[in-house]
């Protein structure tokens, strides 16, 4: 296990690094890739502007969901009294 290596990617740079350095690379904004190059663990953005954009998108989504939740609910189903 000491020789286990993983692939990390940031922008267009892919590196092969020791597996025990995974946390260090994710903290620097690198995503973790599997052997076929597919992202298996997305890195968190580490610059303020990227985070502001994500926060704005999430705030809009929350507002949209609140609007949907606040709409009056009308039921068209009739209650059956038969047993």
N, C-alpha and C. Protein backbone atom coordinates (compact mmCIF):
# COMPACT_ATOMS: atom_id res chain seq x y z
N UNK A 1 0.82 -1.19 0.00
CA UNK A 1 0.00 0.00 0.00
C UNK A 1 0.87 1.26 0.00
N UNK A 2 2.12 1.13 0.41
CA UNK A 2 3.02 2.28 0.44
C UNK A 2 3.25 2.86 -0.95
N UNK A 3 3.14 2.02 -1.98
CA UNK A 3 3.41 2.47 -3.34
C UNK A 3 2.14 2.87 -4.08
N UNK A 4 1.00 2.87 -3.38
CA UNK A 4 -0.25 3.20 -4.04
C UNK A 4 -0.22 4.65 -4.52
N UNK A 5 -0.66 4.85 -5.76
CA UNK A 5 -0.64 6.19 -6.35
C UNK A 5 -2.03 6.51 -6.88
N UNK A 6 -2.35 7.77 -6.92
CA UNK A 6 -3.63 8.23 -7.45
C UNK A 6 -3.39 9.32 -8.47
N UNK A 7 -4.42 9.62 -9.25
CA UNK A 7 -4.35 10.71 -10.21
C UNK A 7 -5.17 11.88 -9.69
N UNK A 8 -4.62 13.08 -9.81
CA UNK A 8 -5.31 14.30 -9.41
C UNK A 8 -5.30 15.25 -10.60
N UNK A 9 -6.34 16.12 -10.65
CA UNK A 9 -6.45 17.03 -11.79
C UNK A 9 -6.92 18.39 -11.31
N UNK A 10 -6.31 19.43 -11.85
CA UNK A 10 -6.76 20.80 -11.65
C UNK A 10 -6.55 21.52 -12.98
N UNK A 11 -7.64 22.13 -13.48
CA UNK A 11 -7.63 22.76 -14.80
C UNK A 11 -7.24 21.70 -15.82
N UNK A 12 -6.18 21.89 -16.57
CA UNK A 12 -5.78 20.89 -17.57
C UNK A 12 -4.53 20.13 -17.14
N UNK A 13 -4.21 20.16 -15.86
CA UNK A 13 -3.02 19.48 -15.34
C UNK A 13 -3.43 18.22 -14.60
N UNK A 14 -2.89 17.07 -15.02
CA UNK A 14 -3.13 15.80 -14.35
C UNK A 14 -1.80 15.31 -13.80
N UNK A 15 -1.81 14.96 -12.52
CA UNK A 15 -0.60 14.47 -11.87
C UNK A 15 -0.85 13.10 -11.26
N UNK A 16 0.18 12.29 -11.20
CA UNK A 16 0.13 11.03 -10.46
C UNK A 16 0.91 11.24 -9.18
N UNK A 17 0.24 11.07 -8.04
CA UNK A 17 0.85 11.38 -6.75
C UNK A 17 0.62 10.23 -5.77
N UNK A 18 1.39 10.18 -4.70
CA UNK A 18 1.17 9.14 -3.69
C UNK A 18 -0.22 9.30 -3.06
N UNK A 19 -0.89 8.18 -2.81
CA UNK A 19 -2.25 8.19 -2.27
C UNK A 19 -2.32 8.88 -0.92
N UNK A 20 -1.25 8.80 -0.13
CA UNK A 20 -1.30 9.42 1.19
C UNK A 20 -1.24 10.95 1.13
N UNK A 21 -1.05 11.53 -0.05
CA UNK A 21 -1.06 12.99 -0.22
C UNK A 21 -2.38 13.50 -0.79
N UNK A 22 -3.37 12.62 -0.86
CA UNK A 22 -4.67 12.96 -1.44
C UNK A 22 -5.27 14.21 -0.79
N UNK A 23 -5.33 14.25 0.53
CA UNK A 23 -5.93 15.39 1.23
C UNK A 23 -5.21 16.70 0.94
N UNK A 24 -3.90 16.63 0.82
CA UNK A 24 -3.13 17.83 0.50
C UNK A 24 -3.51 18.39 -0.86
N UNK A 25 -3.69 17.50 -1.83
CA UNK A 25 -4.03 17.95 -3.18
C UNK A 25 -5.47 18.43 -3.28
N UNK A 26 -6.40 17.77 -2.60
CA UNK A 26 -7.78 18.24 -2.65
C UNK A 26 -7.89 19.61 -1.97
N UNK A 27 -7.11 19.85 -0.95
CA UNK A 27 -7.11 21.16 -0.29
C UNK A 27 -6.58 22.25 -1.23
N UNK A 28 -5.77 21.86 -2.19
CA UNK A 28 -5.21 22.82 -3.15
C UNK A 28 -6.11 22.97 -4.38
N UNK A 29 -7.27 22.29 -4.38
CA UNK A 29 -8.21 22.44 -5.49
C UNK A 29 -8.12 21.39 -6.57
N UNK A 30 -7.44 20.29 -6.31
CA UNK A 30 -7.34 19.20 -7.28
C UNK A 30 -8.50 18.23 -7.09
N UNK A 31 -9.05 17.73 -8.19
CA UNK A 31 -10.06 16.68 -8.16
C UNK A 31 -9.34 15.34 -8.23
N UNK A 32 -9.98 14.30 -7.68
CA UNK A 32 -9.39 12.96 -7.69
C UNK A 32 -10.00 12.19 -8.87
N UNK A 33 -9.15 11.51 -9.63
CA UNK A 33 -9.57 10.75 -10.80
C UNK A 33 -9.40 9.26 -10.56
N UNK A 34 -10.26 8.47 -11.23
CA UNK A 34 -10.03 7.03 -11.20
C UNK A 34 -9.05 6.67 -12.32
N UNK A 35 -8.77 5.39 -12.47
CA UNK A 35 -7.77 4.95 -13.45
C UNK A 35 -8.15 5.30 -14.89
N UNK A 36 -9.46 5.44 -15.15
CA UNK A 36 -9.88 5.76 -16.52
C UNK A 36 -9.96 7.27 -16.78
N UNK A 37 -9.67 8.07 -15.75
CA UNK A 37 -9.68 9.52 -15.91
C UNK A 37 -10.98 10.18 -15.52
N UNK A 38 -11.93 9.41 -15.02
CA UNK A 38 -13.22 9.95 -14.59
C UNK A 38 -13.07 10.56 -13.18
N UNK A 39 -13.66 11.75 -12.98
CA UNK A 39 -13.59 12.41 -11.68
C UNK A 39 -14.43 11.62 -10.68
N UNK A 40 -13.80 11.18 -9.60
CA UNK A 40 -14.53 10.42 -8.57
C UNK A 40 -14.72 11.24 -7.30
N UNK A 41 -13.94 12.31 -7.16
CA UNK A 41 -14.10 13.20 -6.02
C UNK A 41 -13.80 14.62 -6.50
N UNK A 42 -14.84 15.43 -6.53
CA UNK A 42 -14.70 16.80 -7.04
C UNK A 42 -14.04 17.68 -5.98
N UNK A 43 -13.10 18.49 -6.40
CA UNK A 43 -12.44 19.42 -5.49
C UNK A 43 -13.36 20.59 -5.18
N UNK A 44 -13.23 21.11 -4.00
CA UNK A 44 -13.96 22.32 -3.65
C UNK A 44 -13.22 23.52 -4.22
N UNK A 45 -13.94 24.48 -4.76
CA UNK A 45 -13.27 25.68 -5.26
C UNK A 45 -12.56 26.39 -4.11
N UNK A 46 -11.38 26.90 -4.38
CA UNK A 46 -10.66 27.56 -3.30
C UNK A 46 -10.42 29.04 -3.57
N UNK A 47 -11.10 29.58 -4.59
CA UNK A 47 -10.99 31.03 -4.76
C UNK A 47 -12.34 31.68 -4.46
N UNK A 48 -12.30 32.86 -3.94
CA UNK A 48 -13.48 33.54 -3.43
C UNK A 48 -14.51 33.80 -4.53
N UNK A 49 -14.10 34.18 -5.71
CA UNK A 49 -15.05 34.47 -6.79
C UNK A 49 -15.83 33.23 -7.20
N UNK A 50 -15.18 32.09 -7.27
CA UNK A 50 -15.88 30.85 -7.61
C UNK A 50 -16.90 30.51 -6.54
N UNK A 51 -16.53 30.71 -5.28
CA UNK A 51 -17.45 30.43 -4.18
C UNK A 51 -18.63 31.39 -4.20
N UNK A 52 -18.41 32.66 -4.53
CA UNK A 52 -19.50 33.63 -4.62
C UNK A 52 -20.50 33.23 -5.69
N UNK A 53 -20.01 32.74 -6.81
CA UNK A 53 -20.89 32.30 -7.90
C UNK A 53 -21.73 31.12 -7.43
N UNK A 54 -21.11 30.16 -6.78
CA UNK A 54 -21.84 28.98 -6.29
C UNK A 54 -22.87 29.39 -5.26
N UNK A 55 -22.52 30.28 -4.35
CA UNK A 55 -23.45 30.74 -3.33
C UNK A 55 -24.64 31.44 -3.98
N UNK A 56 -24.39 32.28 -4.98
CA UNK A 56 -25.47 32.95 -5.69
C UNK A 56 -26.42 31.97 -6.36
N UNK A 57 -25.87 30.95 -6.99
CA UNK A 57 -26.69 29.93 -7.65
C UNK A 57 -27.54 29.18 -6.62
N UNK A 58 -26.95 28.84 -5.49
CA UNK A 58 -27.69 28.11 -4.46
C UNK A 58 -28.77 28.99 -3.83
N UNK A 59 -28.48 30.28 -3.63
CA UNK A 59 -29.49 31.17 -3.07
C UNK A 59 -30.68 31.30 -4.01
N UNK A 60 -30.43 31.36 -5.31
CA UNK A 60 -31.52 31.43 -6.29
C UNK A 60 -32.33 30.14 -6.27
N UNK A 61 -31.65 29.02 -6.20
CA UNK A 61 -32.34 27.74 -6.15
C UNK A 61 -33.21 27.63 -4.90
N UNK A 62 -32.70 28.09 -3.77
CA UNK A 62 -33.48 28.07 -2.52
C UNK A 62 -34.71 28.95 -2.66
N UNK A 63 -34.55 30.14 -3.23
CA UNK A 63 -35.69 31.05 -3.41
C UNK A 63 -36.74 30.41 -4.32
N UNK A 64 -36.30 29.76 -5.40
CA UNK A 64 -37.24 29.10 -6.31
C UNK A 64 -37.98 27.97 -5.59
N UNK A 65 -37.27 27.21 -4.78
CA UNK A 65 -37.91 26.11 -4.05
C UNK A 65 -38.91 26.63 -3.02
N UNK A 66 -38.59 27.75 -2.38
CA UNK A 66 -39.52 28.35 -1.42
C UNK A 66 -40.80 28.80 -2.12
N UNK A 67 -40.67 29.35 -3.33
CA UNK A 67 -41.86 29.77 -4.09
C UNK A 67 -42.75 28.57 -4.39
N UNK A 68 -42.14 27.47 -4.79
CA UNK A 68 -42.90 26.26 -5.10
C UNK A 68 -43.58 25.74 -3.84
N UNK A 69 -42.88 25.76 -2.72
CA UNK A 69 -43.43 25.24 -1.47
C UNK A 69 -44.56 26.12 -0.94
N UNK A 70 -44.54 27.42 -1.25
CA UNK A 70 -45.55 28.34 -0.75
C UNK A 70 -46.83 28.35 -1.59
N UNK A 71 -46.79 27.77 -2.77
CA UNK A 71 -47.98 27.75 -3.62
C UNK A 71 -49.09 27.00 -2.89
N UNK A 72 -50.33 27.52 -2.97
CA UNK A 72 -51.43 26.81 -2.31
C UNK A 72 -51.63 25.44 -2.94
N UNK A 73 -51.86 24.49 -2.08
CA UNK A 73 -52.04 23.13 -2.56
C UNK A 73 -53.54 22.89 -2.75
N UNK A 74 -53.91 22.49 -3.93
CA UNK A 74 -55.31 22.17 -4.21
C UNK A 74 -55.39 20.69 -4.49
N UNK A 75 -56.37 20.08 -3.90
CA UNK A 75 -56.53 18.63 -4.07
C UNK A 75 -57.71 18.38 -4.98
N UNK A 76 -57.48 17.59 -6.01
CA UNK A 76 -58.55 17.23 -6.93
C UNK A 76 -59.07 15.84 -6.64
N UNK A 77 -58.43 15.15 -5.74
CA UNK A 77 -58.87 13.79 -5.40
C UNK A 77 -60.08 13.86 -4.48
N UNK A 78 -61.05 13.01 -4.76
CA UNK A 78 -62.27 12.95 -3.93
C UNK A 78 -62.07 11.89 -2.87
N UNK A 79 -62.55 12.22 -1.69
CA UNK A 79 -62.47 11.24 -0.60
C UNK A 79 -63.57 10.21 -0.79
N UNK A 80 -63.21 8.98 -0.60
CA UNK A 80 -64.18 7.92 -0.75
C UNK A 80 -64.72 7.54 0.63
N UNK A 81 -66.03 7.39 0.72
CA UNK A 81 -66.65 6.99 1.98
C UNK A 81 -66.96 5.52 1.99
N UNK A 82 -66.67 4.84 0.89
CA UNK A 82 -66.94 3.41 0.81
C UNK A 82 -65.86 2.64 1.53
N UNK A 83 -66.27 1.51 2.11
CA UNK A 83 -65.32 0.64 2.79
C UNK A 83 -65.14 -0.64 2.06
